[in-house]
């Protein structure tokens, strides 16, 4: 790989990576804090919630499910990027305020996506963490804008992005002075059609070898099938992921967005039990809510 335009790149195992995210520039793995939740080399963080905020009842009900199961953070899309312009696009600012209400009710901090530079300032007033989704991984003005915020950022890998491109996208955020970045592998587009995407679990050890940033996995978008989420979630933890972000809906069959890849409350409870066992087997643990957070 060549980055002739880049100043002073580091090369690790034949892969050119930028200096600021390189593990050579910072020996110890980074810890990123979002709303009292720490992403790093110790506890494994579970983020869960609906793909989209659809209604107050749906969000608050699902948030309670996440809290009872032991999830540490709530996810939910207020601004939804959809392939078709005719599909549900989210509730916008109203959805963000519902997420704030869910946080007040449950004590769970939340992460939600920003799609446009014009949304960042508003969402940053409420959210504990800003998500840049797969479609916007190379939206450089947006990356710069979230980089200028003091909020941590969850950066998802683009569906057709290489590891190098992923790390360079993170560099845009870090280069603005925001070093609170969590990387998320969420599947890439390949020739395979039996799954929504191909979940690249090899990216977990590769990223952790190349950089100091926390790495989490999204098995929901990575597979597109509810029945596959538990298996890939467990595999991600075994591969060394620092966390998971999963879609959970209290009534998946009624979901307006991605119900086919959303697990239900019973499935979440069972999965959390299995994840604790796997984490213990590899010398880690599933991070639990602190009393001060709840």
Protein backbone atom coordinates (compact mmCIF):
# COMPACT_ATOMS: atom_id res chain seq x y z
CA UNK A 1 0.00 0.00 0.00
CA UNK A 2 1.17 3.53 -0.68
CA UNK A 3 0.21 6.83 0.92
CA UNK A 4 2.66 9.13 -0.80
CA UNK A 5 0.47 12.14 -0.01
CA UNK A 6 0.56 11.37 3.71
CA UNK A 7 3.25 12.85 5.96
CA UNK A 8 5.38 10.37 7.89
CA UNK A 9 3.26 7.21 7.71
CA UNK A 10 4.05 4.18 9.85
CA UNK A 11 4.26 0.75 8.28
CA UNK A 12 3.28 -2.22 10.43
CA UNK A 13 3.27 -5.74 8.99
CA UNK A 14 3.27 -4.32 5.47
CA UNK A 15 0.21 -2.09 6.03
CA UNK A 16 0.61 1.66 5.88
CA UNK A 17 -1.23 3.33 8.75
CA UNK A 18 -1.36 6.95 9.90
CA UNK A 19 0.81 8.05 12.78
CA UNK A 20 -1.94 9.19 15.18
CA UNK A 21 -3.83 5.89 15.16
CA UNK A 22 -0.71 3.75 14.91
CA UNK A 23 0.13 1.59 17.90
CA UNK A 24 3.69 2.82 17.50
CA UNK A 25 2.64 6.32 18.48
CA UNK A 26 0.89 5.10 21.61
CA UNK A 27 2.02 1.84 23.15
CA UNK A 28 -0.89 1.17 25.50
CA UNK A 29 -4.39 0.59 24.07
CA UNK A 30 -6.63 3.66 24.37
CA UNK A 31 -9.64 3.86 26.64
CA UNK A 32 -12.60 5.85 25.36
CA UNK A 33 -15.22 7.10 27.80
CA UNK A 34 -18.83 7.81 26.77
CA UNK A 35 -21.39 8.75 29.41
CA UNK A 36 -19.48 6.92 32.11
CA UNK A 37 -18.97 3.81 29.95
CA UNK A 38 -15.36 2.84 29.23
CA UNK A 39 -14.33 1.16 25.97
CA UNK A 40 -10.92 -0.44 26.22
CA UNK A 41 -8.87 -3.53 26.97
CA UNK A 42 -10.73 -4.59 30.12
CA UNK A 43 -14.52 -4.89 30.26
CA UNK A 44 -16.44 -5.72 27.07
CA UNK A 45 -19.18 -3.16 26.44
CA UNK A 46 -22.60 -4.25 25.19
CA UNK A 47 -24.57 -1.61 23.27
CA UNK A 48 -28.10 -2.60 22.31
CA UNK A 49 -31.35 -1.08 21.17
CA UNK A 50 -33.61 -0.62 18.15
CA UNK A 51 -32.32 0.16 14.70
CA UNK A 52 -34.61 3.19 14.58
CA UNK A 53 -36.52 5.21 17.15
CA UNK A 54 -40.09 4.59 16.01
CA UNK A 55 -42.20 5.74 18.95
CA UNK A 56 -41.93 6.63 22.61
CA UNK A 57 -43.51 3.31 23.66
CA UNK A 58 -41.19 1.27 21.44
CA UNK A 59 -38.03 3.05 22.58
CA UNK A 60 -38.77 3.12 26.30
CA UNK A 61 -39.89 -0.51 26.25
CA UNK A 62 -36.75 -1.64 24.45
CA UNK A 63 -34.52 0.49 26.69
CA UNK A 64 -35.92 -1.29 29.75
CA UNK A 65 -35.16 -4.63 28.08
CA UNK A 66 -31.56 -3.58 27.47
CA UNK A 67 -31.15 -2.40 31.06
CA UNK A 68 -32.60 -5.60 32.56
CA UNK A 69 -30.37 -7.79 30.40
CA UNK A 70 -27.23 -6.03 31.61
CA UNK A 71 -26.53 -3.91 28.54
CA UNK A 72 -24.38 -0.90 29.28
CA UNK A 73 -25.43 1.52 26.56
CA UNK A 74 -28.49 2.21 24.40
CA UNK A 75 -28.44 2.60 20.64
CA UNK A 76 -31.18 4.01 18.44
CA UNK A 77 -31.33 5.86 15.14
CA UNK A 78 -33.16 9.18 15.07
CA UNK A 79 -31.85 10.16 11.63
CA UNK A 80 -31.90 7.06 9.44
CA UNK A 81 -29.98 6.65 6.18
CA UNK A 82 -32.05 4.33 3.98
CA UNK A 83 -31.29 2.96 0.54
CA UNK A 84 -34.83 3.78 -0.63
CA UNK A 85 -36.10 7.35 -0.18
CA UNK A 86 -39.58 5.92 0.40
CA UNK A 87 -38.71 3.98 3.54
CA UNK A 88 -38.95 5.23 7.12
CA UNK A 89 -36.26 7.86 7.66
CA UNK A 90 -36.50 8.22 11.43
CA UNK A 91 -38.12 10.80 13.71
CA UNK A 92 -35.26 13.28 13.57
CA UNK A 93 -34.96 15.75 16.44
CA UNK A 94 -38.02 14.29 18.15
CA UNK A 95 -36.29 10.92 18.19
CA UNK A 96 -33.18 12.40 19.80
CA UNK A 97 -35.32 13.87 22.58
CA UNK A 98 -36.94 10.45 23.10
CA UNK A 99 -33.49 8.95 23.51
CA UNK A 100 -32.76 11.55 26.16
CA UNK A 101 -35.96 10.53 27.97
CA UNK A 102 -34.92 6.87 27.78
CA UNK A 103 -31.60 7.79 29.36
CA UNK A 104 -33.36 9.59 32.20
CA UNK A 105 -35.65 6.60 32.78
CA UNK A 106 -33.01 3.88 32.66
CA UNK A 107 -29.68 5.56 33.35
CA UNK A 108 -28.32 4.14 30.07
CA UNK A 109 -26.17 6.57 28.05
CA UNK A 110 -26.94 6.48 24.35
CA UNK A 111 -25.28 6.61 20.96
CA UNK A 112 -27.06 7.81 17.83
CA UNK A 113 -26.05 8.51 14.26
CA UNK A 114 -25.31 11.86 12.63
CA UNK A 115 -25.60 11.97 8.84
CA UNK A 116 -24.94 15.62 8.05
CA UNK A 117 -22.70 18.37 9.37
CA UNK A 118 -25.83 20.42 10.09
CA UNK A 119 -27.08 17.78 12.56
CA UNK A 120 -23.91 17.47 14.61
CA UNK A 121 -24.28 20.46 16.92
CA UNK A 122 -27.88 19.59 17.84
CA UNK A 123 -27.26 15.87 18.40
CA UNK A 124 -24.10 16.56 20.39
CA UNK A 125 -26.19 18.52 22.92
CA UNK A 126 -28.03 15.31 23.84
CA UNK A 127 -26.09 12.19 22.84
CA UNK A 128 -23.33 10.63 24.90
CA UNK A 129 -21.66 9.36 21.74
CA UNK A 130 -21.95 10.29 18.06
CA UNK A 131 -22.09 7.54 15.45
CA UNK A 132 -20.77 7.94 11.93
CA UNK A 133 -22.34 5.16 9.91
CA UNK A 134 -20.99 2.98 7.13
CA UNK A 135 -22.37 5.15 4.35
CA UNK A 136 -20.63 8.21 5.78
CA UNK A 137 -17.27 6.73 6.69
CA UNK A 138 -15.64 8.77 3.93
CA UNK A 139 -17.81 11.86 4.35
CA UNK A 140 -14.78 13.97 5.17
CA UNK A 141 -16.60 17.21 6.12
CA UNK A 142 -18.70 15.18 8.58
CA UNK A 143 -15.61 13.45 9.99
CA UNK A 144 -13.96 16.82 10.54
CA UNK A 145 -17.09 18.20 12.19
CA UNK A 146 -17.41 15.36 14.71
CA UNK A 147 -13.67 15.65 15.24
CA UNK A 148 -14.17 19.22 16.45
CA UNK A 149 -16.74 18.10 19.02
CA UNK A 150 -15.86 17.02 22.53
CA UNK A 151 -18.08 13.95 22.22
CA UNK A 152 -16.70 10.43 21.65
CA UNK A 153 -17.31 9.00 18.20
CA UNK A 154 -18.34 5.51 17.10
CA UNK A 155 -16.96 5.13 13.57
CA UNK A 156 -18.34 2.27 11.49
CA UNK A 157 -16.34 0.71 8.69
CA UNK A 158 -17.61 1.52 5.21
CA UNK A 159 -19.25 -1.41 3.49
CA UNK A 160 -16.59 -1.38 0.75
CA UNK A 161 -13.69 0.07 2.73
CA UNK A 162 -10.28 -1.49 3.24
CA UNK A 163 -8.67 -1.51 6.67
CA UNK A 164 -6.32 1.26 5.54
CA UNK A 165 -9.21 3.43 4.37
CA UNK A 166 -10.99 2.78 7.67
CA UNK A 167 -7.97 3.91 9.69
CA UNK A 168 -7.50 6.98 7.53
CA UNK A 169 -11.14 7.92 8.15
CA UNK A 170 -10.43 7.70 11.88
CA UNK A 171 -7.41 9.91 11.31
CA UNK A 172 -9.67 12.69 10.01
CA UNK A 173 -11.41 12.73 13.41
CA UNK A 174 -8.25 12.49 15.49
CA UNK A 175 -6.57 15.17 13.39
CA UNK A 176 -9.20 17.67 14.60
CA UNK A 177 -8.21 17.04 18.22
CA UNK A 178 -10.80 14.43 19.18
CA UNK A 179 -8.98 11.28 20.29
CA UNK A 180 -12.13 9.60 21.66
CA UNK A 181 -12.81 7.24 18.75
CA UNK A 182 -14.14 3.68 18.79
CA UNK A 183 -13.87 1.62 15.60
CA UNK A 184 -16.72 -0.69 14.58
CA UNK A 185 -16.53 -3.61 12.16
CA UNK A 186 -20.02 -4.05 10.69
CA UNK A 187 -19.54 -6.23 7.66
CA UNK A 188 -18.34 -5.51 4.15
CA UNK A 189 -19.92 -6.07 0.76
CA UNK A 190 -18.59 -9.12 -1.08
CA UNK A 191 -19.83 -11.50 -3.79
CA UNK A 192 -21.67 -13.54 -1.12
CA UNK A 193 -25.44 -12.99 -1.10
CA UNK A 194 -26.71 -15.38 1.59
CA UNK A 195 -25.96 -12.75 4.23
CA UNK A 196 -26.59 -9.02 4.12
CA UNK A 197 -22.86 -8.36 4.41
CA UNK A 198 -19.77 -10.45 5.09
CA UNK A 199 -18.79 -9.91 8.71
CA UNK A 200 -15.01 -9.56 8.65
CA UNK A 201 -14.07 -10.84 12.09
CA UNK A 202 -10.43 -10.97 11.02
CA UNK A 203 -10.59 -7.17 11.12
CA UNK A 204 -10.72 -7.31 14.92
CA UNK A 205 -7.22 -8.70 15.50
CA UNK A 206 -5.87 -6.78 12.50
CA UNK A 207 -7.13 -3.44 13.81
CA UNK A 208 -5.98 -4.18 17.34
CA UNK A 209 -2.53 -5.03 15.97
CA UNK A 210 -2.33 -1.89 13.83
CA UNK A 211 -3.78 0.73 16.16
CA UNK A 212 -4.49 1.64 19.77
CA UNK A 213 -8.19 2.47 19.38
CA UNK A 214 -10.94 0.25 20.87
CA UNK A 215 -12.60 -2.10 18.36
CA UNK A 216 -16.20 -3.31 18.57
CA UNK A 217 -18.40 -5.42 16.25
CA UNK A 218 -21.94 -5.07 14.89
CA UNK A 219 -23.22 -8.61 14.21
CA UNK A 220 -26.69 -7.32 13.26
CA UNK A 221 -25.69 -5.38 10.14
CA UNK A 222 -22.83 -7.77 9.61
CA UNK A 223 -25.20 -10.67 8.91
CA UNK A 224 -28.68 -9.26 8.33
CA UNK A 225 -30.30 -12.30 9.95
CA UNK A 226 -31.61 -12.47 13.51
CA UNK A 227 -30.72 -16.15 13.87
CA UNK A 228 -27.07 -15.43 13.05
CA UNK A 229 -26.56 -12.58 15.51
CA UNK A 230 -25.87 -14.71 18.63
CA UNK A 231 -23.26 -16.88 16.90
CA UNK A 232 -21.40 -13.93 15.41
CA UNK A 233 -21.63 -11.93 18.63
CA UNK A 234 -20.00 -14.77 20.54
CA UNK A 235 -17.37 -15.22 17.85
CA UNK A 236 -16.57 -11.49 17.97
CA UNK A 237 -15.96 -11.60 21.72
CA UNK A 238 -13.76 -14.68 21.29
CA UNK A 239 -11.82 -12.82 18.57
CA UNK A 240 -10.98 -10.03 21.01
CA UNK A 241 -13.62 -7.36 20.35
CA UNK A 242 -13.89 -4.68 23.03
CA UNK A 243 -17.65 -4.52 22.64
CA UNK A 244 -20.74 -5.28 20.58
CA UNK A 245 -23.46 -3.08 19.16
CA UNK A 246 -26.63 -5.08 18.48
CA UNK A 247 -30.14 -4.37 17.31
CA UNK A 248 -32.83 -5.35 19.80
CA UNK A 249 -36.55 -4.71 19.46
CA UNK A 250 -39.27 -5.63 21.92
CA UNK A 251 -41.46 -6.61 18.93
CA UNK A 252 -39.13 -7.34 15.97
CA UNK A 253 -41.99 -8.43 13.73
CA UNK A 254 -43.47 -4.92 13.99
CA UNK A 255 -40.22 -2.99 13.48
CA UNK A 256 -40.24 -0.25 10.85
CA UNK A 257 -36.54 -0.79 10.17
CA UNK A 258 -34.40 -3.95 10.15
CA UNK A 259 -36.72 -6.14 12.20
CA UNK A 260 -35.33 -9.21 10.40
CA UNK A 261 -31.94 -8.68 12.06
CA UNK A 262 -33.18 -7.56 15.48
CA UNK A 263 -33.18 -10.05 18.34
CA UNK A 264 -36.02 -10.09 20.86
CA UNK A 265 -35.78 -9.71 24.68
CA UNK A 266 -35.59 -13.44 25.40
CA UNK A 267 -32.84 -13.90 22.82
CA UNK A 268 -30.91 -11.00 24.32
CA UNK A 269 -31.09 -12.49 27.82
CA UNK A 270 -29.83 -15.86 26.60
CA UNK A 271 -27.07 -14.26 24.56
CA UNK A 272 -25.86 -12.12 27.47
CA UNK A 273 -25.50 -15.26 29.58
CA UNK A 274 -23.42 -16.95 26.88
CA UNK A 275 -21.27 -13.86 26.34
CA UNK A 276 -20.33 -13.74 30.02
CA UNK A 277 -19.08 -17.32 29.82
CA UNK A 278 -17.04 -16.68 26.68
CA UNK A 279 -15.53 -13.48 28.10
CA UNK A 280 -14.50 -15.36 31.23
CA UNK A 281 -12.90 -18.11 29.13
CA UNK A 282 -10.60 -15.59 27.41
CA UNK A 283 -9.70 -13.75 30.61
CA UNK A 284 -12.06 -10.79 30.18
CA UNK A 285 -15.52 -9.89 31.42
CA UNK A 286 -18.74 -8.29 30.21
CA UNK A 287 -18.84 -4.80 31.70
CA UNK A 288 -21.79 -4.37 34.05
CA UNK A 289 -23.70 -1.16 34.88
CA UNK A 290 -22.32 0.68 37.88
CA UNK A 291 -24.70 1.83 40.59
CA UNK A 292 -23.56 5.39 40.02
CA UNK A 293 -24.61 5.12 36.37
CA UNK A 294 -27.94 3.56 37.17
